[in-house]
PDB file of N, CA and C in Angstrom:
ATOM      1  N   MET A   1     154.430 237.345 124.908  1.00  0.00           N
ATOM      2  CA  MET A   1     155.274 237.419 123.427  1.00  0.00           C
ATOM      3  C   MET A   1     155.747 238.258 123.226  1.00  0.00           C
ATOM      4  N   ARG A   2     157.232 238.758 122.775  1.00  0.00           N
ATOM      5  CA  ARG A   2     157.447 240.135 122.475  1.00  0.00           C
ATOM      6  C   ARG A   2     157.795 240.153 120.649  1.00  0.00           C
ATOM      7  N   LYS A   3     157.614 241.160 120.832  1.00  0.00           N
ATOM      8  CA  LYS A   3     157.207 241.641 119.367  1.00  0.00           C
ATOM      9  C   LYS A   3     158.756 241.275 118.207  1.00  0.00           C
ATOM     10  N   GLU A   4     159.728 241.403 119.760  1.00  0.00           N
ATOM     11  CA  GLU A   4     160.473 241.258 118.733  1.00  0.00           C
ATOM     12  C   GLU A   4     161.913 240.698 119.908  1.00  0.00           C
ATOM     13  N   TYR A   5     162.897 240.026 119.553  1.00  0.00           N
ATOM     14  CA  TYR A   5     163.839 239.362 119.920  1.00  0.00           C
ATOM     15  C   TYR A   5     165.361 239.611 119.504  1.00  0.00           C
ATOM     16  N   ASP A   6     166.120 239.322 120.742  1.00  0.00           N
ATOM     17  CA  ASP A   6     167.545 240.533 120.367  1.00  0.00           C
ATOM     18  C   ASP A   6     168.310 238.639 120.660  1.00  0.00           C
ATOM     19  N   PHE A   7     168.967 237.989 119.248  1.00  0.00           N
ATOM     20  CA  PHE A   7     169.641 236.986 119.463  1.00  0.00           C
ATOM     21  C   PHE A   7     171.012 237.468 118.648  1.00  0.00           C
ATOM     22  N   SER A   8     171.559 238.268 119.402  1.00  0.00           N
ATOM     23  CA  SER A   8     172.877 239.151 118.683  1.00  0.00           C
ATOM     24  C   SER A   8     173.874 238.159 119.826  1.00  0.00           C
ATOM     25  N   LYS A   9     173.503 237.888 120.565  1.00  0.00           N
ATOM     26  CA  LYS A   9     174.648 236.994 122.040  1.00  0.00           C
ATOM     27  C   LYS A   9     173.901 235.427 121.717  1.00  0.00           C
ATOM     28  N   ALA A  10     173.478 235.181 120.698  1.00  0.00           N
ATOM     29  CA  ALA A  10     172.657 233.322 120.756  1.00  0.00           C
ATOM     30  C   ALA A  10     174.306 232.994 120.895  1.00  0.00           C
ATOM     31  N   LYS A  11     173.903 231.579 121.544  1.00  0.00           N
ATOM     32  CA  LYS A  11     174.914 230.966 121.012  1.00  0.00           C
ATOM     33  C   LYS A  11     174.494 229.471 120.097  1.00  0.00           C
ATOM     34  N   LYS A  12     175.116 229.077 118.809  1.00  0.00           N
ATOM     35  CA  LYS A  12     174.894 227.595 118.318  1.00  0.00           C
ATOM     36  C   LYS A  12     175.025 226.549 119.069  1.00  0.00           C
ATOM     37  N   ASN A  13     173.621 225.652 118.831  1.00  0.00           N
ATOM     38  CA  ASN A  13     173.215 224.314 119.357  1.00  0.00           C
ATOM     39  C   ASN A  13     174.870 223.626 119.415  1.00  0.00           C
ATOM     40  N   PRO A  14     175.629 222.809 120.557  1.00  0.00           N
ATOM     41  CA  PRO A  14     176.328 222.125 120.838  1.00  0.00           C
ATOM     42  C   PRO A  14     175.995 220.947 120.355  1.00  0.00           C
ATOM     43  N   TYR A  15     174.288 220.358 120.481  1.00  0.00           N
ATOM     44  CA  TYR A  15     174.367 219.284 119.845  1.00  0.00           C
ATOM     45  C   TYR A  15     173.518 218.888 118.399  1.00  0.00           C
ATOM     46  N   ALA A  16     174.121 220.246 117.630  1.00  0.00           N
ATOM     47  CA  ALA A  16     172.854 219.964 116.811  1.00  0.00           C
ATOM     48  C   ALA A  16     173.426 219.351 115.376  1.00  0.00           C
ATOM     49  N   SER A  17     174.468 218.720 116.020  1.00  0.00           N
ATOM     50  CA  SER A  17     174.875 217.015 114.980  1.00  0.00           C
ATOM     51  C   SER A  17     174.818 216.133 115.002  1.00  0.00           C
ATOM     52  N   GLN A  18     173.567 216.025 116.224  1.00  0.00           N
ATOM     53  CA  GLN A  18     173.639 215.136 116.872  1.00  0.00           C
ATOM     54  C   GLN A  18     172.280 214.653 116.792  1.00  0.00           C
ATOM     55  N   LEU A  19     171.516 215.985 116.381  1.00  0.00           N
ATOM     56  CA  LEU A  19     169.779 215.776 116.229  1.00  0.00           C
ATOM     57  C   LEU A  19     169.646 215.110 115.382  1.00  0.00           C
ATOM     58  N   LYS A  20     168.400 214.791 115.623  1.00  0.00           N
ATOM     59  CA  LYS A  20     167.818 213.798 114.178  1.00  0.00           C
ATOM     60  C   LYS A  20     167.389 214.560 112.847  1.00  0.00           C
ATOM     61  N   LYS A  21     167.637 214.057 111.761  1.00  0.00           N
ATOM     62  CA  LYS A  21     167.380 214.593 110.437  1.00  0.00           C
ATOM     63  C   LYS A  21     165.523 213.519 109.395  1.00  0.00           C
ATOM     64  N   GLN A  22     165.419 214.861 109.705  1.00  0.00           N
ATOM     65  CA  GLN A  22     164.354 214.284 108.659  1.00  0.00           C
ATOM     66  C   GLN A  22     164.098 214.273 107.087  1.00  0.00           C
ATOM     67  N   VAL A  23     163.562 212.904 106.733  1.00  0.00           N
ATOM     68  CA  VAL A  23     163.177 212.050 105.936  1.00  0.00           C
ATOM     69  C   VAL A  23     161.982 211.502 105.326  1.00  0.00           C
ATOM     70  N   THR A  24     161.796 211.662 104.264  1.00  0.00           N
ATOM     71  CA  THR A  24     160.918 210.654 103.738  1.00  0.00           C
ATOM     72  C   THR A  24     160.992 209.378 103.492  1.00  0.00           C
ATOM     73  N   ILE A  25     160.115 208.480 103.723  1.00  0.00           N
ATOM     74  CA  ILE A  25     159.749 207.328 103.808  1.00  0.00           C
ATOM     75  C   ILE A  25     159.133 206.521 103.148  1.00  0.00           C
ATOM     76  N   ARG A  26     158.978 206.043 102.215  1.00  0.00           N
ATOM     77  CA  ARG A  26     157.402 205.119 101.970  1.00  0.00           C
ATOM     78  C   ARG A  26     157.686 203.891 102.544  1.00  0.00           C
ATOM     79  N   LEU A  27     156.013 203.537 103.164  1.00  0.00           N
ATOM     80  CA  LEU A  27     156.395 202.504 103.906  1.00  0.00           C
ATOM     81  C   LEU A  27     155.168 201.653 103.513  1.00  0.00           C
ATOM     82  N   ASP A  28     154.688 200.397 103.399  1.00  0.00           N
ATOM     83  CA  ASP A  28     153.594 199.757 103.093  1.00  0.00           C
ATOM     84  C   ASP A  28     153.023 200.034 104.690  1.00  0.00           C
ATOM     85  N   GLU A  29     151.444 199.901 104.126  1.00  0.00           N
ATOM     86  CA  GLU A  29     150.308 200.071 105.352  1.00  0.00           C
ATOM     87  C   GLU A  29     150.117 199.116 106.411  1.00  0.00           C
ATOM     88  N   GLY A  30     150.424 197.975 106.148  1.00  0.00           N
ATOM     89  CA  GLY A  30     150.792 196.889 106.842  1.00  0.00           C
ATOM     90  C   GLY A  30     151.811 197.086 108.235  1.00  0.00           C
ATOM     91  N   THR A  31     153.015 197.581 107.579  1.00  0.00           N
ATOM     92  CA  THR A  31     154.138 198.003 107.991  1.00  0.00           C
ATOM     93  C   THR A  31     153.598 198.834 109.023  1.00  0.00           C
ATOM     94  N   VAL A  32     153.481 199.768 108.536  1.00  0.00           N
ATOM     95  CA  VAL A  32     153.255 201.191 110.013  1.00  0.00           C
ATOM     96  C   VAL A  32     152.427 200.599 110.866  1.00  0.00           C
ATOM     97  N   GLU A  33     151.317 199.840 110.265  1.00  0.00           N
ATOM     98  CA  GLU A  33     149.893 199.712 112.144  1.00  0.00           C
ATOM     99  C   GLU A  33     150.935 198.200 112.523  1.00  0.00           C
ATOM    100  N   TYR A  34     151.859 197.224 112.063  1.00  0.00           N
ATOM    101  CA  TYR A  34     152.940 196.929 112.785  1.00  0.00           C
ATOM    102  C   TYR A  34     152.983 197.237 113.705  1.00  0.00           C
ATOM    103  N   PHE A  35     154.367 198.501 113.303  1.00  0.00           N
ATOM    104  CA  PHE A  35     155.057 199.457 114.351  1.00  0.00           C
ATOM    105  C   PHE A  35     154.058 200.340 115.545  1.00  0.00           C
ATOM    106  N   LYS A  36     153.142 200.709 114.578  1.00  0.00           N
ATOM    107  CA  LYS A  36     152.034 201.984 115.564  1.00  0.00           C
ATOM    108  C   LYS A  36     151.260 200.611 116.421  1.00  0.00           C
ATOM    109  N   LYS A  37     151.598 199.335 116.498  1.00  0.00           N
ATOM    110  CA  LYS A  37     150.493 198.773 117.365  1.00  0.00           C
ATOM    111  C   LYS A  37     151.667 198.309 118.620  1.00  0.00           C
ATOM    112  N   LEU A  38     152.776 197.957 117.966  1.00  0.00           N
ATOM    113  CA  LEU A  38     153.990 197.832 119.063  1.00  0.00           C
ATOM    114  C   LEU A  38     154.285 198.772 119.830  1.00  0.00           C
ATOM    115  N   ALA A  39     154.690 199.958 119.065  1.00  0.00           N
ATOM    116  CA  ALA A  39     154.776 200.959 119.901  1.00  0.00           C
ATOM    117  C   ALA A  39     153.425 201.676 120.742  1.00  0.00           C
ATOM    118  N   LYS A  40     152.418 201.782 120.459  1.00  0.00           N
ATOM    119  CA  LYS A  40     151.424 201.785 121.516  1.00  0.00           C
ATOM    120  C   LYS A  40     151.865 200.995 122.709  1.00  0.00           C
ATOM    121  N   GLU A  41     151.613 199.289 121.964  1.00  0.00           N
ATOM    122  CA  GLU A  41     152.104 198.880 123.762  1.00  0.00           C
ATOM    123  C   GLU A  41     153.158 198.935 124.719  1.00  0.00           C
ATOM    124  N   ALA A  42     154.019 199.558 123.707  1.00  0.00           N
ATOM    125  CA  ALA A  42     155.530 200.351 124.163  1.00  0.00           C
ATOM    126  C   ALA A  42     155.074 201.690 125.327  1.00  0.00           C
ATOM    127  N   GLY A  43     154.238 202.418 124.775  1.00  0.00           N
ATOM    128  CA  GLY A  43     154.418 203.701 125.436  1.00  0.00           C
ATOM    129  C   GLY A  43     155.290 204.414 124.581  1.00  0.00           C
ATOM    130  N   ILE A  44     155.659 204.213 123.753  1.00  0.00           N
ATOM    131  CA  ILE A  44     156.409 205.140 122.991  1.00  0.00           C
ATOM    132  C   ILE A  44     155.896 205.406 121.858  1.00  0.00           C
ATOM    133  N   PRO A  45     156.101 206.733 120.899  1.00  0.00           N
ATOM    134  CA  PRO A  45     155.972 207.456 119.541  1.00  0.00           C
ATOM    135  C   PRO A  45     156.454 205.860 118.527  1.00  0.00           C
ATOM    136  N   TYR A  46     155.249 205.830 117.518  1.00  0.00           N
ATOM    137  CA  TYR A  46     155.991 204.549 116.900  1.00  0.00           C
ATOM    138  C   TYR A  46     157.099 205.130 115.625  1.00  0.00           C
ATOM    139  N   GLN A  47     157.203 206.303 115.095  1.00  0.00           N
ATOM    140  CA  GLN A  47     158.655 206.552 114.674  1.00  0.00           C
ATOM    141  C   GLN A  47     159.652 206.458 115.828  1.00  0.00           C
ATOM    142  N   THR A  48     159.378 206.631 117.096  1.00  0.00           N
ATOM    143  CA  THR A  48     160.843 206.352 118.072  1.00  0.00           C
ATOM    144  C   THR A  48     160.936 205.249 117.818  1.00  0.00           C
ATOM    145  N   LEU A  49     159.768 204.396 117.748  1.00  0.00           N
ATOM    146  CA  LEU A  49     159.948 202.994 117.887  1.00  0.00           C
ATOM    147  C   LEU A  49     160.915 202.715 116.390  1.00  0.00           C
ATOM    148  N   ILE A  50     160.434 202.457 115.147  1.00  0.00           N
ATOM    149  CA  ILE A  50     161.148 202.565 114.109  1.00  0.00           C
ATOM    150  C   ILE A  50     162.893 202.863 114.180  1.00  0.00           C
ATOM    151  N   ASN A  51     162.825 203.925 114.776  1.00  0.00           N
ATOM    152  CA  ASN A  51     164.129 204.688 114.517  1.00  0.00           C
ATOM    153  C   ASN A  51     165.290 203.563 115.154  1.00  0.00           C
ATOM    154  N   LEU A  52     164.209 203.325 116.632  1.00  0.00           N
ATOM    155  CA  LEU A  52     165.408 202.546 117.558  1.00  0.00           C
ATOM    156  C   LEU A  52     165.395 200.982 116.747  1.00  0.00           C
ATOM    157  N   TYR A  53     165.076 201.044 116.193  1.00  0.00           N
ATOM    158  CA  TYR A  53     164.681 199.545 115.695  1.00  0.00           C
ATOM    159  C   TYR A  53     165.806 199.390 114.650  1.00  0.00           C
ATOM    160  N   LEU A  54     166.021 200.238 113.541  1.00  0.00           N
ATOM    161  CA  LEU A  54     166.637 200.808 112.568  1.00  0.00           C
ATOM    162  C   LEU A  54     168.188 201.261 113.195  1.00  0.00           C
ATOM    163  N   ARG A  55     168.317 201.829 114.061  1.00  0.00           N
ATOM    164  CA  ARG A  55     169.589 201.703 115.146  1.00  0.00           C
ATOM    165  C   ARG A  55     170.133 200.598 115.241  1.00  0.00           C
ATOM    166  N   ASP A  56     169.630 199.539 115.959  1.00  0.00           N
ATOM    167  CA  ASP A  56     169.985 198.711 116.389  1.00  0.00           C
ATOM    168  C   ASP A  56     170.474 197.456 115.678  1.00  0.00           C
ATOM    169  N   CYS A  57     170.074 197.606 114.067  1.00  0.00           N
ATOM    170  CA  CYS A  57     170.148 196.878 113.035  1.00  0.00           C
ATOM    171  C   CYS A  57     171.192 197.504 112.794  1.00  0.00           C
ATOM    172  N   ALA A  58     171.666 198.727 112.137  1.00  0.00           N
ATOM    173  CA  ALA A  58     172.902 199.651 112.308  1.00  0.00           C
ATOM    174  C   ALA A  58     173.976 198.804 113.044  1.00  0.00           C
ATOM    175  N   ALA A  59     173.582 198.795 114.073  1.00  0.00           N
ATOM    176  CA  ALA A  59     175.019 198.864 115.029  1.00  0.00           C
ATOM    177  C   ALA A  59     175.140 197.222 115.068  1.00  0.00           C
ATOM    178  N   ALA A  60     173.967 196.202 114.935  1.00  0.00           N
ATOM    179  CA  ALA A  60     174.417 195.223 114.576  1.00  0.00           C
ATOM    180  C   ALA A  60     175.072 194.690 113.444  1.00  0.00           C
ATOM    181  N   GLY A  61     174.902 195.546 112.444  1.00  0.00           N
ATOM    182  CA  GLY A  61     175.181 195.123 111.042  1.00  0.00           C
ATOM    183  C   GLY A  61     174.501 194.307 109.984  1.00  0.00           C
ATOM    184  N   ARG A  62     173.211 194.095 110.662  1.00  0.00           N
ATOM    185  CA  ARG A  62     172.657 193.806 109.725  1.00  0.00           C
ATOM    186  C   ARG A  62     172.757 194.124 109.073  1.00  0.00           C
ATOM    187  N   LYS A  63     171.901 192.454 107.432  1.00  0.00           N
ATOM    188  CA  LYS A  63     171.768 192.774 106.231  1.00  0.00           C
ATOM    189  C   LYS A  63     170.748 192.013 105.862  1.00  0.00           C
ATOM    190  N   LEU A  64     169.778 192.372 105.017  1.00  0.00           N
ATOM    191  CA  LEU A  64     168.902 191.468 104.394  1.00  0.00           C
ATOM    192  C   LEU A  64     169.081 190.574 103.469  1.00  0.00           C
ATOM    193  N   SER A  65     169.005 189.561 103.671  1.00  0.00           N
ATOM    194  CA  SER A  65     169.059 188.623 102.333  1.00  0.00           C
ATOM    195  C   SER A  65     168.638 188.491 101.309  1.00  0.00           C
ATOM    196  N   MET A  66     168.603 189.389  99.985  1.00  0.00           N
ATOM    197  CA  MET A  66     168.020 189.674  98.721  1.00  0.00           C
ATOM    198  C   MET A  66     168.692 189.191  97.576  1.00  0.00           C
ATOM    199  N   GLU A  67     167.094 188.603  96.598  1.00  0.00           N
ATOM    200  CA  GLU A  67     167.905 187.934  95.701  1.00  0.00           C
ATOM    201  C   GLU A  67     166.423 187.754  94.669  1.00  0.00           C
ATOM    202  N   TRP A  68     166.900 188.831  93.661  1.00  0.00           N
ATOM    203  CA  TRP A  68     166.103 189.374  92.556  1.00  0.00           C
ATOM    204  C   TRP A  68     166.330 187.897  91.158  1.00  0.00           C
ATOM    205  N   LYS A  69     164.959 187.637  90.859  1.00  0.00           N
ATOM    206  CA  LYS A  69     164.523 186.793  89.744  1.00  0.00           C
ATOM    207  C   LYS A  69     164.686 187.683  88.268  1.00  0.00           C
ATOM    208  N   ALA A  70     165.247 186.980  87.178  1.00  0.00           N
ATOM    209  CA  ALA A  70     164.703 187.658  86.311  1.00  0.00           C
ATOM    210  C   ALA A  70     163.869 187.327  85.946  1.00  0.00           C
ATOM    211  N   ALA A  71     162.474 187.947  84.920  1.00  0.00           N
ATOM    212  CA  ALA A  71     161.472 187.639  84.850  1.00  0.00           C
ATOM    213  C   ALA A  71     161.268 186.654  83.609  1.00  0.00           C
TER     214      ALA A  71
END
């Protein structure tokens, strides 16, 4: 490995806008275990599986039916 690298002729990644964005999300332990189990069966990382599921929900325009009741 070199001590210094010359980046003067480097080009910006043309696919940078398509890269994933890191976020922090809090999930129930049971939910994470569920996706880990499914991911293991499918042979893919569980975070990839969660991303695929959420992308599918977004593409299909699925919305959760939620109703809040006053205490």
